Each structure stands twice: as C-alpha cells, then as structure tokens.
Amino acid sequence: MYTYIKLAWRNIWRNRRRTLITVSAIIFAVVIAIMMQSINRGSYEVMIERSVNFSTGYLQIQDYRYDDEASLDNSFYFDDELRRRILDADDRIEKILPRIETFMLAANDQSTRGAVVFGINPEKEQRFNELQNFKSDGRFFDPDEQAAILSEGLANRLQLAVGDSLVLIGQGRFGMSASGLFEITGLIDHPIRDLNNQAVFLPLQTAQQFLSADDHLTSIMIAPQREGQTNSVAQSLKRELDGSELVVFTWPELMPELLELMELDLAGPRFFTLILYLVIGFGFFGTILTMTMERLKEFGVLLSVGMKRARLASVVFIETLMISILGVLVGMGAAWLILKAIDPIVLYGDAAQAVIDMGFEPVLPMSFAADQFYIQGFYVFLIAMAVFLFPLIKVMRLNILEAARS
C-alpha cells in the first residue's frame, strides 16, 4: 500500500498544471457552496439569537397552564428555594432570568395603544441579553423605582419622551384592577421589531405589586453554557421539576412558526445549491474526461508491461482520493478566510432601507457554524469521488492495443 501511495503522489505532481486545474475546481466548488450556506444561515442565526435572548430564552419554565392561556392567573410562585432547585438541577445552567409579562393599554393624555408590559430585573436582564446596550435616550430605572422604559416605536406612537408620564391600564392577577402612572426614564431601540412597537419595561418588584402578583412570575428564561446543551439541560430540569405544576420548554417548542418560516424560506437557497452541485459535477466531469483521455496511452503502456488492472485502478483511485481531499481541505480553509474578511457585509442604499424597514440592521452577517464547513466539503467530496469513477471504469475496460495507438 505504501508503494501505491508513493506512486500516486508522484503521479499527481508529474503534471502539475493538470493537478492544479482539478484541485482549483474543487476549491472553487467548496468555497462557493460554503459561502452560500454561510450567508443564508448567518441572517437566521441573528434572528434566532435575538428571539431567544429577548423573548423566550434557550429554555423557559412556565406554569403548565400558561402555554394554553397566557394569563397572569397562570403565573407561579418564585422564591429562593425554587431558584436553588433550578440552578442545582444541572451545572451547565449559566444564567436565569425571571420575568412577569402581560398585555395592557398604554396611554398619554389623548390616546391609547396596546402594549406588552414586562417586569424585569435590570441587572439580570443586562447579563442575559445586554438590553441596556440598546438604550437610545435617558437611563434605566432602579430595581425598586416607580418608573418605566418605553420602546421607541411605542413612544413615537404615543408622542412621549423621557420625563413624561405613562399611564398603564389593565387587569392584574385574578381580575384585580391595575392602573398606574409611571415616569418614563428612558427609551430603547428594541432589536425585535414587533416589541419595538409595543414593549414597556417596569422594575420586576414594581410590576408584581402593580399587577397584584407579589413574588409571582409568568416565566423564567434560562441560558445554558452552550447552545448545544439545550436539550440535555431541559431533560435535567424536567426531572427536577417532575411532580410540580411547572413545565420546561426549549426555544424550538416555543417558536415553531419561526422554524417553519425558516424552513420554507430556505427552500430557494437549497434549490440553487442543488443546481450549483450539478454545475460543479459537470465541470468536474469535463476536467476528468480530458485528463483521462490524455493518459490513455500511459495506462496502455503500464498494462502492456504487466501491471494488473486492479493495481492500476488502485493507484488511480488513490490519486483521486488525494486530489479530492487536498481540494476540499484547501477550499474549507479558503472559505473560512474569505468569510472572516467580508464579515459582515454592510448594505447601502435601497437594499439597506429595505432591511431596516423589516426591523434588522443593514448588514449580512456570516455564519461560522462548523457543520456547514464539513457538510458542504463532504458533499463536494462525494461529487468528486463519483466523477472520478470514470477513469477507474476506463482503466478496467481499456483495450491495450487501442490505448497504445492513441
């Protein structure tokens, strides 16, 4: 086998131009396939990350009735003992974020708008999702302050600014009336468009008292140390909370519509990737066909001096394997360097405005998920190996006399 490998290595570099052309074709295919996947996945990763950090968490604990009826009546009691049980359930839990959430009417002296009211702990919120980094005006409230933070979209609709008063009207826990006046201490440009048009943030304790829900929460958002640990941490929490009225959801269970939309939206890029693979395959075949026809006389001479077909086919296969692996590895490295160099792609003009109108920053982030590198590389490798079957078949069926005259 060592002799075959040594012979194959010498063969592929005997004609450097031919080898470099073939390797370059594989590199180009790998780079294009990875870049297409990276651009598509990058935007979705940002979307998922924002939704997870600001809306659901990678994991969320709720009362078992809350998913069917998102009401304050289905909130649950939260104390230090429950907090300890959650943290002790799995060492991979990194952060937990208590929240209370409800729908209310937000008003100024002339008009009202529907609003989603969040009771939050500002310090824990900052550690969880860096919410304060999106502050556009004013300051964040203290944990026990009778104050509110408004999203910019809602503030514009109500024509309110920092220092104005916000009226909240609604219903608290078990039908209790809830109405109050809050000073607006700051505005935030919320990264989720829907929430930017309707979010109001209150200190957690203030919100609990205001909603007649002392020491109660509607959800606890949880972040593991790594995203890949989400399902295993969920199983640990389910075992710990088994027998209670609390249930554990992962973010895909809480946002199935987002995943379905992504799958539908990815159908187009996957179709174009399939076309790319077909083009790549025919390009490889044309290159290999030319190379094989150039080497027919060489193959004929080797067979005529007594080299067995199986051994010659083995050498050709090892050549194929070396060229494919070399092209795929270099292509993966080149793709990573190119993505690093262009990440992120900044949009300008009408394209940028269109993206802003959809509630996103005018940039196209790149995804560096490891699986897209080796999966796309593997697909191109399979295409290359399938195409390289042609010289193997040619060797096994080669007529020595015809090859010698070619």
Protein backbone atom coordinates (compact mmCIF):
# COMPACT_ATOMS: atom_id res chain seq x y z
CA MET A 1 0.00 0.00 0.00
CA TYR A 2 2.85 2.40 0.81
CA THR A 3 4.21 1.85 -2.70
CA TYR A 4 0.81 2.66 -4.22
CA ILE A 5 0.53 5.85 -2.16
CA LYS A 6 4.04 6.95 -3.11
CA LEU A 7 3.38 6.22 -6.79
CA ALA A 8 0.05 8.06 -6.71
CA TRP A 9 1.63 11.11 -5.05
CA ARG A 10 4.32 11.27 -7.71
CA ASN A 11 1.74 10.83 -10.46
CA ILE A 12 -0.45 13.73 -9.38
CA TRP A 13 2.52 16.13 -9.35
CA ARG A 14 4.09 14.80 -12.54
CA ASN A 15 1.72 17.04 -14.46
CA ARG A 16 1.36 20.00 -12.10
CA ARG A 17 -0.88 22.03 -14.39
CA ARG A 18 -3.41 19.23 -14.71
CA THR A 19 -3.46 18.63 -10.96
CA LEU A 20 -3.72 22.32 -10.12
CA ILE A 21 -6.65 22.75 -12.52
CA THR A 22 -8.53 19.88 -10.89
CA VAL A 23 -7.74 20.99 -7.34
CA SER A 24 -8.72 24.57 -8.21
CA ALA A 25 -12.09 23.37 -9.48
CA ILE A 26 -12.74 21.54 -6.21
CA ILE A 27 -11.59 24.54 -4.15
CA PHE A 28 -13.90 26.85 -6.10
CA ALA A 29 -16.83 24.50 -5.59
CA VAL A 30 -16.23 24.18 -1.84
CA VAL A 31 -15.82 27.95 -1.38
CA ILE A 32 -18.99 28.83 -3.30
CA ALA A 33 -21.07 26.16 -1.54
CA ILE A 34 -19.90 27.21 1.93
CA MET A 35 -20.36 30.93 1.23
CA MET A 36 -23.94 30.43 0.02
CA GLN A 37 -24.73 28.42 3.13
CA SER A 38 -22.97 30.90 5.42
CA ILE A 39 -24.81 33.97 4.13
CA ASN A 40 -28.20 32.24 4.45
CA ARG A 41 -27.54 30.82 7.90
CA GLY A 42 -25.94 33.99 9.22
CA SER A 43 -29.15 36.01 8.96
CA TYR A 44 -31.21 33.24 10.55
CA GLU A 45 -28.73 32.80 13.39
CA VAL A 46 -29.06 36.51 14.23
CA MET A 47 -32.84 36.23 14.09
CA ILE A 48 -32.87 33.18 16.36
CA GLU A 49 -30.33 34.67 18.76
CA ARG A 50 -32.38 37.84 19.19
CA SER A 51 -35.62 35.95 19.63
CA VAL A 52 -34.03 33.60 22.15
CA ASN A 53 -32.24 36.29 24.16
CA PHE A 54 -35.07 38.80 24.27
CA SER A 55 -38.21 36.71 24.01
CA THR A 56 -38.04 33.06 25.06
CA GLY A 57 -34.58 32.07 26.29
CA TYR A 58 -32.98 28.82 25.15
CA LEU A 59 -35.15 27.21 27.83
CA GLN A 60 -38.18 28.54 29.62
CA ILE A 61 -40.03 27.45 32.73
CA GLN A 62 -43.77 28.16 32.95
CA ASP A 63 -46.84 27.02 34.76
CA TYR A 64 -48.28 24.11 32.77
CA ARG A 65 -51.45 26.12 32.06
CA TYR A 66 -49.68 29.23 30.78
CA ASP A 67 -48.92 27.89 27.30
CA ASP A 68 -52.64 27.39 26.61
CA GLU A 69 -53.75 30.60 28.32
CA ALA A 70 -51.11 33.32 28.70
CA SER A 71 -52.76 34.94 31.71
CA LEU A 72 -51.45 36.31 34.99
CA ASP A 73 -53.84 33.85 36.64
CA ASN A 74 -51.45 31.15 35.43
CA SER A 75 -48.33 32.69 36.96
CA PHE A 76 -46.33 30.78 39.58
CA TYR A 77 -44.66 31.50 42.90
CA PHE A 78 -40.91 32.10 42.74
CA ASP A 79 -38.62 32.15 45.76
CA ASP A 80 -35.02 31.37 46.69
CA GLU A 81 -35.79 27.66 47.10
CA LEU A 82 -37.10 27.35 43.54
CA ARG A 83 -34.14 29.34 42.26
CA ARG A 84 -31.75 26.97 44.06
CA ARG A 85 -33.53 23.89 42.68
CA ILE A 86 -33.21 25.23 39.15
CA LEU A 87 -29.50 26.03 39.49
CA ASP A 88 -28.78 22.69 41.18
CA ALA A 89 -30.62 20.71 38.52
CA ASP A 90 -27.71 21.00 36.10
CA ASP A 91 -24.24 22.50 36.42
CA ARG A 92 -24.39 23.67 32.81
CA ILE A 93 -27.04 26.31 33.58
CA GLU A 94 -25.26 29.64 33.20
CA LYS A 95 -27.96 32.31 33.60
CA ILE A 96 -31.59 32.51 34.67
CA LEU A 97 -33.87 35.47 34.09
CA PRO A 98 -37.17 35.92 36.00
CA ARG A 99 -39.92 37.83 34.21
CA ILE A 100 -43.55 38.74 34.53
CA GLU A 101 -45.39 39.62 31.34
CA THR A 102 -48.89 40.79 30.46
CA PHE A 103 -50.84 42.80 27.91
CA MET A 104 -52.15 46.25 28.89
CA LEU A 105 -53.21 49.57 27.43
CA ALA A 106 -50.55 52.28 27.40
CA ALA A 107 -51.83 55.85 27.23
CA ASN A 108 -50.93 59.51 27.23
CA ASP A 109 -53.41 62.29 27.86
CA GLN A 110 -55.01 61.89 24.43
CA SER A 111 -54.64 58.37 23.04
CA THR A 112 -54.04 54.72 23.93
CA ARG A 113 -52.10 51.87 22.37
CA GLY A 114 -51.85 48.18 23.12
CA ALA A 115 -48.62 47.29 24.90
CA VAL A 116 -46.76 44.26 26.19
CA VAL A 117 -45.61 45.02 29.73
CA PHE A 118 -42.53 43.25 31.06
CA GLY A 119 -41.47 43.24 34.68
CA ILE A 120 -37.71 42.79 34.67
CA ASN A 121 -34.66 42.90 36.89
CA PRO A 122 -32.41 45.38 35.04
CA GLU A 123 -29.12 43.87 36.24
CA LYS A 124 -30.07 40.29 35.37
CA GLU A 125 -31.56 41.45 32.07
CA GLN A 126 -28.27 43.11 31.18
CA ARG A 127 -26.30 39.97 31.97
CA PHE A 128 -28.73 37.84 29.98
CA ASN A 129 -29.19 39.87 26.79
CA GLU A 130 -27.42 43.26 27.24
CA LEU A 131 -30.72 45.09 26.92
CA GLN A 132 -29.23 48.35 28.21
CA ASN A 133 -26.91 48.49 25.20
CA PHE A 134 -29.99 49.33 23.10
CA LYS A 135 -30.87 52.38 25.21
CA SER A 136 -31.31 55.36 22.91
CA ASP A 137 -32.21 58.04 25.44
CA GLY A 138 -32.42 58.60 29.20
CA ARG A 139 -31.41 55.99 31.75
CA PHE A 140 -32.50 52.62 33.10
CA PHE A 141 -34.61 52.58 36.26
CA ASP A 142 -33.52 51.33 39.67
CA PRO A 143 -34.92 47.93 40.79
CA ASP A 144 -37.48 49.49 43.18
CA GLU A 145 -38.34 52.65 41.22
CA GLN A 146 -41.86 53.61 40.08
CA ALA A 147 -40.69 54.15 36.52
CA ALA A 148 -40.90 52.74 33.01
CA ILE A 149 -38.74 52.24 29.94
CA LEU A 150 -40.51 52.53 26.58
CA SER A 151 -39.56 51.09 23.22
CA GLU A 152 -39.00 53.82 20.65
CA GLY A 153 -41.81 52.71 18.35
CA LEU A 154 -44.41 52.86 21.13
CA ALA A 155 -43.03 56.17 22.39
CA ASN A 156 -43.37 57.67 18.92
CA ARG A 157 -46.92 56.42 18.56
CA LEU A 158 -47.90 57.93 21.89
CA GLN A 159 -45.72 61.03 21.33
CA LEU A 160 -43.99 60.51 24.66
CA ALA A 161 -40.41 61.25 25.65
CA VAL A 162 -38.07 60.87 28.61
CA GLY A 163 -39.51 62.72 31.62
CA ASP A 164 -43.14 62.33 30.50
CA SER A 165 -45.70 60.24 32.34
CA LEU A 166 -47.10 56.96 31.03
CA VAL A 167 -50.49 55.61 32.03
CA LEU A 168 -50.96 51.82 32.13
CA ILE A 169 -54.46 50.38 32.33
CA GLY A 170 -55.35 46.74 32.52
CA GLN A 171 -56.14 43.77 34.68
CA GLY A 172 -53.95 42.18 37.31
CA ARG A 173 -53.94 38.71 38.79
CA PHE A 174 -57.35 37.12 39.48
CA GLY A 175 -59.24 40.02 37.93
CA MET A 176 -57.79 42.76 40.12
CA SER A 177 -57.90 46.21 38.58
CA ALA A 178 -54.47 47.52 37.58
CA SER A 179 -53.91 51.14 36.62
CA GLY A 180 -50.95 53.33 37.37
CA LEU A 181 -48.85 56.34 36.41
CA PHE A 182 -45.16 55.84 35.66
CA GLU A 183 -42.37 58.27 34.88
CA ILE A 184 -40.54 57.46 31.64
CA THR A 185 -36.84 57.33 32.49
CA GLY A 186 -35.54 56.01 29.19
CA LEU A 187 -36.18 54.77 25.67
CA ILE A 188 -34.74 51.72 23.94
CA ASP A 189 -34.44 50.82 20.28
CA HIS A 190 -35.50 47.21 20.72
CA PRO A 191 -33.82 44.83 18.26
CA ILE A 192 -37.06 42.86 17.70
CA ARG A 193 -39.33 44.94 15.51
CA ASP A 194 -42.66 43.81 16.97
CA LEU A 195 -41.51 44.52 20.51
CA ASN A 196 -40.06 47.87 19.47
CA ASN A 197 -43.61 48.95 18.61
CA GLN A 198 -45.27 47.81 21.84
CA ALA A 199 -42.87 47.00 24.69
CA VAL A 200 -42.97 48.62 28.12
CA PHE A 201 -40.47 47.63 30.82
CA LEU A 202 -41.08 48.05 34.55
CA PRO A 203 -38.93 47.04 37.54
CA LEU A 204 -39.84 43.48 38.48
CA GLN A 205 -40.97 44.24 42.05
CA THR A 206 -42.91 47.30 40.91
CA ALA A 207 -44.66 45.26 38.21
CA GLN A 208 -45.53 42.46 40.65
CA GLN A 209 -47.09 44.89 43.13
CA PHE A 210 -48.85 46.79 40.35
CA LEU A 211 -50.36 43.57 38.96
CA SER A 212 -51.29 42.13 42.40
CA ALA A 213 -48.84 39.27 41.76
CA ASP A 214 -46.32 39.60 44.59
CA ASP A 215 -43.46 37.08 44.23
CA HIS A 216 -45.09 35.58 41.13
CA LEU A 217 -43.67 35.21 37.63
CA THR A 218 -45.05 34.19 34.27
CA SER A 219 -41.75 32.70 33.08
CA ILE A 220 -38.13 32.02 33.88
CA MET A 221 -35.76 32.22 30.92
CA ILE A 222 -32.67 30.02 31.11
CA ALA A 223 -29.40 30.04 29.18
CA PRO A 224 -27.04 27.04 29.24
CA GLN A 225 -23.29 27.46 28.86
CA ARG A 226 -23.51 26.36 25.21
CA GLU A 227 -26.43 26.23 22.81
CA GLY A 228 -25.78 22.55 22.08
CA GLN A 229 -26.55 21.71 25.72
CA THR A 230 -30.14 22.98 25.49
CA ASN A 231 -31.89 19.61 25.15
CA SER A 232 -29.84 17.81 27.81
CA VAL A 233 -30.30 20.67 30.29
CA ALA A 234 -34.04 20.60 29.54
CA GLN A 235 -34.14 16.92 30.49
CA SER A 236 -32.36 17.66 33.79
CA LEU A 237 -34.84 20.42 34.62
CA LYS A 238 -37.79 18.22 33.74
CA ARG A 239 -36.57 15.55 36.15
CA GLU A 240 -36.05 18.13 38.89
CA LEU A 241 -39.48 19.72 38.42
CA ASP A 242 -41.34 16.45 37.89
CA GLY A 243 -44.47 16.33 40.01
CA SER A 244 -44.83 20.11 40.22
CA GLU A 245 -47.06 22.38 38.15
CA LEU A 246 -44.06 23.76 36.26
CA VAL A 247 -43.05 22.66 32.79
CA VAL A 248 -39.92 23.21 30.72
CA PHE A 249 -39.89 24.26 27.06
CA THR A 250 -36.98 24.60 24.65
CA TRP A 251 -36.89 27.51 22.23
CA PRO A 252 -37.91 25.41 19.16
CA GLU A 253 -41.03 24.34 21.07
CA LEU A 254 -41.87 27.95 21.88
CA MET A 255 -41.21 29.29 18.36
CA PRO A 256 -42.36 26.60 15.92
CA GLU A 257 -43.69 29.24 13.50
CA LEU A 258 -40.22 30.79 13.19
CA LEU A 259 -38.67 27.43 12.38
CA GLU A 260 -41.36 26.63 9.82
CA LEU A 261 -40.85 30.05 8.19
CA MET A 262 -37.10 29.46 8.04
CA GLU A 263 -37.54 26.02 6.50
CA LEU A 264 -39.86 27.48 3.87
CA ASP A 265 -37.52 30.37 3.17
CA LEU A 266 -34.52 28.04 2.86
CA ALA A 267 -36.20 26.04 0.09
CA GLY A 268 -34.98 28.55 -2.53
CA PRO A 269 -31.31 28.57 -1.44
CA ARG A 270 -31.33 24.77 -1.22
CA PHE A 271 -32.64 24.56 -4.78
CA PHE A 272 -29.90 26.90 -6.02
CA THR A 273 -27.33 24.86 -4.06
CA LEU A 274 -28.55 21.73 -5.82
CA ILE A 275 -28.12 23.47 -9.18
CA LEU A 276 -24.65 24.54 -8.07
CA TYR A 277 -23.78 20.94 -7.26
CA LEU A 278 -24.98 19.83 -10.70
CA VAL A 279 -22.86 22.51 -12.38
CA ILE A 280 -19.91 21.51 -10.22
CA GLY A 281 -20.39 17.84 -11.12
CA PHE A 282 -20.46 18.50 -14.87
CA GLY A 283 -17.44 20.80 -14.53
CA PHE A 284 -15.53 18.06 -12.73
CA PHE A 285 -16.57 15.51 -15.31
CA GLY A 286 -15.33 17.66 -18.18
CA THR A 287 -11.96 18.15 -16.48
CA ILE A 288 -11.56 14.48 -15.58
CA LEU A 289 -12.67 13.35 -19.04
CA THR A 290 -9.92 15.45 -20.63
CA MET A 291 -7.32 14.24 -18.12
CA THR A 292 -8.28 10.60 -18.63
CA MET A 293 -8.11 10.78 -22.41
CA GLU A 294 -4.66 12.37 -22.13
CA ARG A 295 -3.45 9.44 -20.01
CA LEU A 296 -4.90 6.57 -22.06
CA LYS A 297 -1.55 5.86 -23.72
CA GLU A 298 0.13 5.87 -20.30
CA PHE A 299 -2.41 3.41 -18.97
CA GLY A 300 -1.99 1.21 -22.04
CA VAL A 301 1.79 1.10 -21.66
CA LEU A 302 1.54 0.17 -17.96
CA LEU A 303 -0.88 -2.63 -18.70
CA SER A 304 1.19 -3.90 -21.61
CA VAL A 305 4.30 -4.29 -19.42
CA GLY A 306 2.38 -6.47 -16.99
CA MET A 307 0.77 -4.18 -14.43
CA LYS A 308 -2.53 -5.68 -13.30
CA ARG A 309 -5.67 -3.67 -13.93
CA ALA A 310 -6.72 -3.85 -10.27
CA ARG A 311 -3.41 -2.39 -9.15
CA LEU A 312 -3.53 0.37 -11.75
CA ALA A 313 -7.11 1.13 -10.73
CA SER A 314 -5.98 1.27 -7.09
CA VAL A 315 -3.27 3.80 -7.93
CA VAL A 316 -5.74 5.93 -9.93
CA PHE A 317 -8.22 5.75 -7.04
CA ILE A 318 -5.57 6.89 -4.55
CA GLU A 319 -4.69 9.75 -6.89
CA THR A 320 -8.37 10.67 -6.95
CA LEU A 321 -8.59 10.48 -3.17
CA MET A 322 -5.54 12.68 -2.69
CA ILE A 323 -6.72 15.32 -5.15
CA SER A 324 -10.22 15.37 -3.63
CA ILE A 325 -9.03 15.62 -0.04
CA LEU A 326 -6.49 18.30 -0.92
CA GLY A 327 -9.08 20.37 -2.79
CA VAL A 328 -11.71 20.05 -0.06
CA LEU A 329 -9.33 20.93 2.80
CA VAL A 330 -7.85 23.92 1.00
CA GLY A 331 -11.35 25.01 -0.05
CA MET A 332 -12.62 24.88 3.53
CA GLY A 333 -9.66 26.94 4.72
CA ALA A 334 -10.05 29.44 1.89
CA ALA A 335 -13.78 29.78 2.58
CA TRP A 336 -13.12 30.48 6.27
CA LEU A 337 -10.56 33.17 5.42
CA ILE A 338 -12.86 34.82 2.86
CA LEU A 339 -15.82 34.80 5.27
CA LYS A 340 -13.65 36.33 8.01
CA ALA A 341 -12.52 39.04 5.59
CA ILE A 342 -16.00 40.06 4.45
CA ASP A 343 -17.95 39.53 7.69
CA PRO A 344 -20.30 41.33 7.91
CA ILE A 345 -21.40 42.62 4.52
CA VAL A 346 -22.71 46.17 5.01
CA LEU A 347 -25.68 47.12 2.83
CA TYR A 348 -26.25 50.59 1.41
CA GLY A 349 -28.98 52.50 -0.40
CA ASP A 350 -32.36 50.91 -1.12
CA ALA A 351 -31.22 47.47 -0.02
CA ALA A 352 -30.21 48.83 3.38
CA GLN A 353 -33.50 50.68 3.79
CA ALA A 354 -35.49 47.59 2.91
CA VAL A 355 -33.69 45.60 5.60
CA ILE A 356 -34.16 48.42 8.15
CA ASP A 357 -37.88 48.50 7.38
CA MET A 358 -38.05 44.81 8.29
CA GLY A 359 -36.57 45.60 11.69
CA PHE A 360 -32.98 44.45 11.13
CA GLU A 361 -29.61 46.15 10.90
CA PRO A 362 -28.45 46.76 7.30
CA VAL A 363 -25.77 44.07 7.40
CA LEU A 364 -25.47 40.47 6.23
CA PRO A 365 -23.67 38.53 8.96
CA MET A 366 -21.76 35.39 8.09
CA SER A 367 -22.30 32.09 9.86
CA PHE A 368 -19.21 30.21 11.05
CA ALA A 369 -21.03 27.08 12.24
CA ALA A 370 -18.62 24.17 11.94
CA ASP A 371 -21.16 21.79 10.41
CA GLN A 372 -21.65 23.89 7.28
CA PHE A 373 -17.93 23.63 6.52
CA TYR A 374 -17.55 19.90 6.80
CA ILE A 375 -21.00 19.07 5.41
CA GLN A 376 -20.54 21.19 2.28
CA GLY A 377 -16.99 19.88 1.94
CA PHE A 378 -18.27 16.33 2.29
CA TYR A 379 -20.90 16.87 -0.42
CA VAL A 380 -18.31 18.24 -2.84
CA PHE A 381 -16.00 15.34 -1.93
CA LEU A 382 -18.76 12.85 -2.78
CA ILE A 383 -19.36 14.58 -6.12
CA ALA A 384 -15.64 14.48 -6.89
CA MET A 385 -15.40 10.81 -5.97
CA ALA A 386 -18.45 9.97 -8.10
CA VAL A 387 -16.98 11.80 -11.10
CA PHE A 388 -13.60 10.18 -10.60
CA LEU A 389 -15.21 6.78 -11.09
CA PHE A 390 -14.90 7.47 -14.82
CA PRO A 391 -11.11 6.90 -15.02
CA LEU A 392 -11.45 3.80 -12.86
CA ILE A 393 -14.03 2.30 -15.20
CA LYS A 394 -11.91 3.34 -18.17
CA VAL A 395 -8.91 1.52 -16.73
CA MET A 396 -10.87 -1.67 -16.11
CA ARG A 397 -12.30 -1.69 -19.66
CA LEU A 398 -9.28 -0.31 -21.51
CA ASN A 399 -8.22 -2.03 -24.74
CA ILE A 400 -4.41 -2.13 -24.60
CA LEU A 401 -3.87 -2.04 -28.37
CA GLU A 402 -6.21 0.90 -28.90
CA ALA A 403 -4.64 2.76 -25.98
CA ALA A 404 -1.13 2.23 -27.37
CA ARG A 405 -2.18 3.76 -30.74
CA SER A 406 -3.87 6.78 -29.14
